[in-house]
């Protein structure tokens, strides 16, 4: 991964967390409201889990899907992006 890609990912991650906070959400209360582990939500907001890997019983995909429904996550899902776009 190039330095530019890392910088873009960091920017995207920080934008996701900014949008999350701008909606007035707190990680722990949001996670509790939807039945998620707050650490998993935080790691997902930080970009550690993108939903591409099918491990963790698809929890990160569920979190990201809920974030989209709540207007926090914008754009295509990472697991839907084809290799041609990368």
Foldseek 3Di string as FASTA:
>chain_A
DDPVVVVVLQVVLVQLVVLCVVLVDDQVVVCVVVVHDSVLLVCLSRVVDQQQDPPPVSPSVVSLVVCVVVVRDDDDRPNPDDPVVD
